[in-house]
Amino acid sequence: MRKLTQKMTKAWLLTLAVSILAGFGESNAAMDFDTIISKTEEFVKAASEAGDDEDKAPAWESYVTDDANTVWSTISDAVGDEETGDAAKEKLTGVGEEGNAALYDNVWKSTNLF
């Protein structure tokens, strides 16, 4: 009986640890797709307002705080989702040429997921 209890305890502790870590990941989750799109639009607006003045040029990291790999994964997941994929594609199209250029320069070009 004692061995059974020890085995159950180990399995229970492992399950608890995995559950806690999974929950921890969710509470510290990366930016969601809509936030990335809105922050990209804010970045493009700030860059447009700065014009050619490099001293006023915004830093991408001030707007989108996740690293390139995380942002790429978030975008890929949103576009690849069966239920929300079309809406995500429309939002990507909606950020315009400047927004997609900002995403390319700061995310797709910088990712190492390929």
N, C-alpha and C. Protein backbone atom coordinates (compact mmCIF):
# COMPACT_ATOMS: atom_id res chain seq x y z
N MET A 1 0.82 -1.20 0.00
CA MET A 1 0.00 0.00 0.00
C MET A 1 0.86 1.26 0.00
N ARG A 2 1.97 1.20 0.73
CA ARG A 2 2.83 2.37 0.82
C ARG A 2 3.43 2.72 -0.55
N LYS A 3 3.85 1.71 -1.31
CA LYS A 3 4.41 1.96 -2.64
C LYS A 3 3.37 2.59 -3.56
N LEU A 4 2.16 2.12 -3.46
CA LEU A 4 1.08 2.68 -4.26
C LEU A 4 0.87 4.15 -3.91
N THR A 5 0.90 4.47 -2.63
CA THR A 5 0.75 5.86 -2.19
C THR A 5 1.90 6.71 -2.68
N GLN A 6 3.12 6.19 -2.63
CA GLN A 6 4.28 6.93 -3.11
C GLN A 6 4.18 7.18 -4.61
N LYS A 7 3.76 6.18 -5.36
CA LYS A 7 3.61 6.36 -6.81
C LYS A 7 2.52 7.37 -7.11
N MET A 8 1.42 7.29 -6.40
CA MET A 8 0.34 8.25 -6.62
C MET A 8 0.80 9.65 -6.25
N THR A 9 1.57 9.78 -5.20
CA THR A 9 2.06 11.08 -4.77
C THR A 9 2.97 11.68 -5.83
N LYS A 10 3.87 10.87 -6.37
CA LYS A 10 4.77 11.36 -7.41
C LYS A 10 3.98 11.79 -8.65
N ALA A 11 3.04 11.00 -9.04
CA ALA A 11 2.21 11.35 -10.20
C ALA A 11 1.40 12.60 -9.92
N TRP A 12 0.87 12.68 -8.71
CA TRP A 12 0.07 13.86 -8.34
C TRP A 12 0.94 15.11 -8.32
N LEU A 13 2.15 15.01 -7.78
CA LEU A 13 3.05 16.16 -7.75
C LEU A 13 3.47 16.58 -9.15
N LEU A 14 3.71 15.62 -10.01
CA LEU A 14 4.07 15.93 -11.38
C LEU A 14 2.91 16.64 -12.09
N THR A 15 1.71 16.13 -11.89
CA THR A 15 0.52 16.77 -12.48
C THR A 15 0.35 18.18 -11.94
N LEU A 16 0.55 18.35 -10.65
CA LEU A 16 0.43 19.67 -10.03
C LEU A 16 1.47 20.63 -10.60
N ALA A 17 2.70 20.15 -10.74
CA ALA A 17 3.77 21.00 -11.27
C ALA A 17 3.47 21.44 -12.70
N VAL A 18 3.02 20.50 -13.52
CA VAL A 18 2.68 20.83 -14.91
C VAL A 18 1.52 21.82 -14.96
N SER A 19 0.53 21.62 -14.11
CA SER A 19 -0.62 22.53 -14.07
C SER A 19 -0.21 23.92 -13.66
N ILE A 20 0.65 24.00 -12.67
CA ILE A 20 1.11 25.31 -12.21
C ILE A 20 1.90 26.01 -13.30
N LEU A 21 2.81 25.28 -13.95
CA LEU A 21 3.60 25.89 -15.01
C LEU A 21 2.73 26.31 -16.18
N ALA A 22 1.75 25.52 -16.51
CA ALA A 22 0.84 25.89 -17.60
C ALA A 22 0.07 27.14 -17.23
N GLY A 23 -0.40 27.22 -16.02
CA GLY A 23 -1.11 28.40 -15.56
C GLY A 23 -0.21 29.61 -15.50
N PHE A 24 1.04 29.40 -15.10
CA PHE A 24 2.00 30.49 -15.04
C PHE A 24 2.23 31.07 -16.42
N GLY A 25 2.34 30.21 -17.42
CA GLY A 25 2.52 30.68 -18.78
C GLY A 25 1.37 31.52 -19.27
N GLU A 26 0.16 31.15 -18.87
CA GLU A 26 -1.00 31.92 -19.31
C GLU A 26 -1.05 33.28 -18.64
N SER A 27 -0.68 33.35 -17.37
CA SER A 27 -0.77 34.63 -16.67
C SER A 27 0.30 35.59 -17.16
N ASN A 28 1.41 35.07 -17.68
CA ASN A 28 2.46 35.90 -18.23
C ASN A 28 2.50 35.75 -19.75
N ALA A 29 1.35 35.61 -20.32
CA ALA A 29 1.25 35.30 -21.74
C ALA A 29 1.78 36.44 -22.60
N ALA A 30 2.14 36.07 -23.79
CA ALA A 30 2.60 37.03 -24.78
C ALA A 30 1.43 37.92 -25.21
N MET A 31 1.77 38.96 -25.92
CA MET A 31 0.75 39.86 -26.44
C MET A 31 -0.16 39.06 -27.37
N ASP A 32 -1.44 39.40 -27.37
CA ASP A 32 -2.34 38.71 -28.29
C ASP A 32 -2.30 39.38 -29.66
N PHE A 33 -2.91 38.73 -30.62
CA PHE A 33 -2.86 39.19 -32.01
C PHE A 33 -3.40 40.61 -32.17
N ASP A 34 -4.55 40.89 -31.58
CA ASP A 34 -5.15 42.22 -31.72
C ASP A 34 -4.26 43.31 -31.13
N THR A 35 -3.60 43.00 -30.02
CA THR A 35 -2.70 43.97 -29.40
C THR A 35 -1.50 44.22 -30.30
N ILE A 36 -0.97 43.17 -30.90
CA ILE A 36 0.16 43.34 -31.82
C ILE A 36 -0.22 44.23 -32.98
N ILE A 37 -1.42 44.01 -33.54
CA ILE A 37 -1.87 44.83 -34.67
C ILE A 37 -2.05 46.29 -34.24
N SER A 38 -2.69 46.52 -33.09
CA SER A 38 -2.90 47.90 -32.65
C SER A 38 -1.58 48.59 -32.31
N LYS A 39 -0.65 47.86 -31.72
CA LYS A 39 0.67 48.45 -31.40
C LYS A 39 1.46 48.72 -32.68
N THR A 40 1.29 47.87 -33.69
CA THR A 40 1.94 48.12 -34.98
C THR A 40 1.40 49.40 -35.58
N GLU A 41 0.09 49.60 -35.51
CA GLU A 41 -0.51 50.83 -36.04
C GLU A 41 -0.01 52.06 -35.28
N GLU A 42 0.13 51.96 -33.95
CA GLU A 42 0.66 53.06 -33.15
C GLU A 42 2.11 53.36 -33.55
N PHE A 43 2.90 52.31 -33.76
CA PHE A 43 4.29 52.47 -34.17
C PHE A 43 4.37 53.19 -35.51
N VAL A 44 3.55 52.78 -36.47
CA VAL A 44 3.56 53.40 -37.80
C VAL A 44 3.18 54.88 -37.69
N LYS A 45 2.19 55.19 -36.87
CA LYS A 45 1.78 56.58 -36.67
C LYS A 45 2.92 57.41 -36.07
N ALA A 46 3.58 56.87 -35.05
CA ALA A 46 4.69 57.58 -34.42
C ALA A 46 5.85 57.76 -35.40
N ALA A 47 6.12 56.74 -36.21
CA ALA A 47 7.20 56.83 -37.19
C ALA A 47 6.86 57.87 -38.25
N SER A 48 5.60 57.94 -38.64
CA SER A 48 5.17 58.93 -39.61
C SER A 48 5.31 60.35 -39.05
N GLU A 49 4.94 60.52 -37.79
CA GLU A 49 5.06 61.82 -37.15
C GLU A 49 6.52 62.24 -36.98
N ALA A 50 7.40 61.29 -36.77
CA ALA A 50 8.82 61.59 -36.60
C ALA A 50 9.47 61.98 -37.92
N GLY A 51 8.92 61.47 -39.01
CA GLY A 51 9.47 61.78 -40.32
C GLY A 51 10.90 61.29 -40.46
N ASP A 52 11.77 62.14 -40.98
CA ASP A 52 13.17 61.76 -41.19
C ASP A 52 14.05 62.05 -39.99
N ASP A 53 13.49 62.60 -38.93
CA ASP A 53 14.25 62.93 -37.73
C ASP A 53 14.56 61.66 -36.93
N GLU A 54 15.80 61.19 -37.02
CA GLU A 54 16.17 59.94 -36.36
C GLU A 54 16.09 60.04 -34.84
N ASP A 55 16.25 61.25 -34.30
CA ASP A 55 16.17 61.43 -32.85
C ASP A 55 14.76 61.19 -32.32
N LYS A 56 13.77 61.43 -33.17
CA LYS A 56 12.37 61.25 -32.77
C LYS A 56 11.80 59.91 -33.23
N ALA A 57 12.58 59.16 -33.97
CA ALA A 57 12.10 57.88 -34.50
C ALA A 57 11.77 56.92 -33.34
N PRO A 58 10.61 56.29 -33.41
CA PRO A 58 10.22 55.39 -32.32
C PRO A 58 10.99 54.07 -32.36
N ALA A 59 11.12 53.48 -31.21
CA ALA A 59 11.74 52.15 -31.13
C ALA A 59 10.63 51.11 -31.14
N TRP A 60 10.76 50.10 -31.99
CA TRP A 60 9.77 49.04 -32.11
C TRP A 60 9.48 48.41 -30.75
N GLU A 61 10.54 48.20 -29.97
CA GLU A 61 10.41 47.54 -28.67
C GLU A 61 9.57 48.34 -27.68
N SER A 62 9.41 49.62 -27.92
CA SER A 62 8.55 50.44 -27.06
C SER A 62 7.08 50.15 -27.30
N TYR A 63 6.77 49.60 -28.44
CA TYR A 63 5.39 49.32 -28.81
C TYR A 63 5.07 47.83 -28.70
N VAL A 64 5.88 47.01 -29.31
CA VAL A 64 5.68 45.56 -29.27
C VAL A 64 6.80 44.99 -28.40
N THR A 65 6.43 44.57 -27.20
CA THR A 65 7.43 44.18 -26.21
C THR A 65 7.89 42.73 -26.33
N ASP A 66 7.19 41.91 -27.08
CA ASP A 66 7.59 40.51 -27.25
C ASP A 66 8.71 40.41 -28.27
N ASP A 67 9.50 39.36 -28.14
CA ASP A 67 10.56 39.15 -29.13
C ASP A 67 9.96 38.69 -30.46
N ALA A 68 10.77 38.73 -31.49
CA ALA A 68 10.31 38.44 -32.85
C ALA A 68 9.71 37.05 -32.97
N ASN A 69 10.32 36.06 -32.34
CA ASN A 69 9.82 34.69 -32.44
C ASN A 69 8.42 34.56 -31.84
N THR A 70 8.20 35.20 -30.71
CA THR A 70 6.90 35.14 -30.06
C THR A 70 5.83 35.83 -30.90
N VAL A 71 6.17 36.99 -31.43
CA VAL A 71 5.21 37.73 -32.28
C VAL A 71 4.90 36.92 -33.53
N TRP A 72 5.92 36.34 -34.15
CA TRP A 72 5.70 35.52 -35.34
C TRP A 72 4.78 34.35 -35.02
N SER A 73 5.01 33.69 -33.91
CA SER A 73 4.16 32.56 -33.52
C SER A 73 2.73 33.00 -33.29
N THR A 74 2.55 34.14 -32.63
CA THR A 74 1.20 34.65 -32.36
C THR A 74 0.46 34.95 -33.66
N ILE A 75 1.15 35.61 -34.59
CA ILE A 75 0.53 35.94 -35.88
C ILE A 75 0.22 34.66 -36.65
N SER A 76 1.15 33.73 -36.67
CA SER A 76 0.94 32.46 -37.40
C SER A 76 -0.24 31.70 -36.83
N ASP A 77 -0.33 31.65 -35.51
CA ASP A 77 -1.46 30.96 -34.86
C ASP A 77 -2.78 31.61 -35.21
N ALA A 78 -2.81 32.95 -35.19
CA ALA A 78 -4.07 33.66 -35.47
C ALA A 78 -4.50 33.46 -36.92
N VAL A 79 -3.58 33.55 -37.84
CA VAL A 79 -3.90 33.42 -39.26
C VAL A 79 -4.25 31.97 -39.59
N GLY A 80 -3.60 31.02 -38.92
CA GLY A 80 -3.83 29.62 -39.21
C GLY A 80 -5.05 29.02 -38.52
N ASP A 81 -5.66 29.76 -37.60
CA ASP A 81 -6.83 29.26 -36.89
C ASP A 81 -8.02 29.17 -37.84
N GLU A 82 -8.73 28.04 -37.79
CA GLU A 82 -9.86 27.83 -38.70
C GLU A 82 -10.99 28.84 -38.48
N GLU A 83 -11.24 29.18 -37.23
CA GLU A 83 -12.36 30.06 -36.91
C GLU A 83 -12.03 31.54 -37.12
N THR A 84 -10.82 31.95 -36.77
CA THR A 84 -10.49 33.38 -36.80
C THR A 84 -9.49 33.75 -37.88
N GLY A 85 -9.05 32.79 -38.66
CA GLY A 85 -8.01 33.04 -39.66
C GLY A 85 -8.34 34.12 -40.66
N ASP A 86 -9.57 34.11 -41.20
CA ASP A 86 -9.94 35.12 -42.19
C ASP A 86 -9.96 36.52 -41.59
N ALA A 87 -10.46 36.64 -40.37
CA ALA A 87 -10.50 37.95 -39.71
C ALA A 87 -9.07 38.44 -39.43
N ALA A 88 -8.19 37.52 -39.06
CA ALA A 88 -6.79 37.89 -38.80
C ALA A 88 -6.12 38.38 -40.09
N LYS A 89 -6.40 37.70 -41.19
CA LYS A 89 -5.83 38.11 -42.48
C LYS A 89 -6.33 39.50 -42.86
N GLU A 90 -7.61 39.77 -42.60
CA GLU A 90 -8.16 41.09 -42.89
C GLU A 90 -7.48 42.17 -42.05
N LYS A 91 -7.23 41.86 -40.78
CA LYS A 91 -6.55 42.82 -39.91
C LYS A 91 -5.12 43.08 -40.38
N LEU A 92 -4.43 42.03 -40.82
CA LEU A 92 -3.09 42.22 -41.35
C LEU A 92 -3.11 43.09 -42.60
N THR A 93 -4.10 42.88 -43.44
CA THR A 93 -4.25 43.70 -44.63
C THR A 93 -4.60 45.13 -44.24
N GLY A 94 -5.39 45.28 -43.18
CA GLY A 94 -5.85 46.59 -42.73
C GLY A 94 -4.76 47.49 -42.17
N VAL A 95 -3.63 46.93 -41.74
CA VAL A 95 -2.57 47.79 -41.21
C VAL A 95 -1.84 48.53 -42.33
N GLY A 96 -2.13 48.16 -43.55
CA GLY A 96 -1.57 48.87 -44.69
C GLY A 96 -0.14 48.50 -45.00
N GLU A 97 0.36 49.14 -46.02
CA GLU A 97 1.71 48.86 -46.49
C GLU A 97 2.77 49.21 -45.44
N GLU A 98 2.59 50.35 -44.76
CA GLU A 98 3.55 50.76 -43.74
C GLU A 98 3.56 49.79 -42.56
N GLY A 99 2.38 49.35 -42.14
CA GLY A 99 2.29 48.41 -41.03
C GLY A 99 2.91 47.07 -41.35
N ASN A 100 2.64 46.58 -42.56
CA ASN A 100 3.24 45.31 -42.97
C ASN A 100 4.75 45.44 -43.14
N ALA A 101 5.21 46.61 -43.60
CA ALA A 101 6.66 46.83 -43.70
C ALA A 101 7.29 46.84 -42.31
N ALA A 102 6.61 47.45 -41.33
CA ALA A 102 7.11 47.47 -39.95
C ALA A 102 7.16 46.05 -39.38
N LEU A 103 6.11 45.28 -39.64
CA LEU A 103 6.10 43.88 -39.18
C LEU A 103 7.22 43.09 -39.85
N TYR A 104 7.41 43.30 -41.13
CA TYR A 104 8.46 42.58 -41.84
C TYR A 104 9.84 42.95 -41.27
N ASP A 105 10.09 44.25 -41.15
CA ASP A 105 11.40 44.71 -40.69
C ASP A 105 11.71 44.28 -39.26
N ASN A 106 10.69 44.27 -38.41
CA ASN A 106 10.93 44.03 -36.99
C ASN A 106 10.59 42.63 -36.51
N VAL A 107 9.85 41.88 -37.31
CA VAL A 107 9.45 40.54 -36.88
C VAL A 107 9.96 39.48 -37.84
N TRP A 108 9.40 39.45 -39.03
CA TRP A 108 9.70 38.36 -39.96
C TRP A 108 11.18 38.30 -40.31
N LYS A 109 11.81 39.45 -40.49
CA LYS A 109 13.22 39.48 -40.84
C LYS A 109 14.10 39.07 -39.66
N SER A 110 13.58 39.26 -38.44
CA SER A 110 14.38 39.01 -37.24
C SER A 110 14.14 37.65 -36.61
N THR A 111 13.14 36.93 -37.05
CA THR A 111 12.81 35.65 -36.42
C THR A 111 13.80 34.57 -36.82
N ASN A 112 13.97 33.60 -35.93
CA ASN A 112 14.81 32.46 -36.27
C ASN A 112 14.00 31.17 -36.25
N LEU A 113 12.71 31.29 -36.51
CA LEU A 113 11.84 30.11 -36.51
C LEU A 113 11.80 29.39 -37.85
N PHE A 114 12.42 29.96 -38.86
CA PHE A 114 12.38 29.34 -40.18
C PHE A 114 13.28 28.16 -40.25
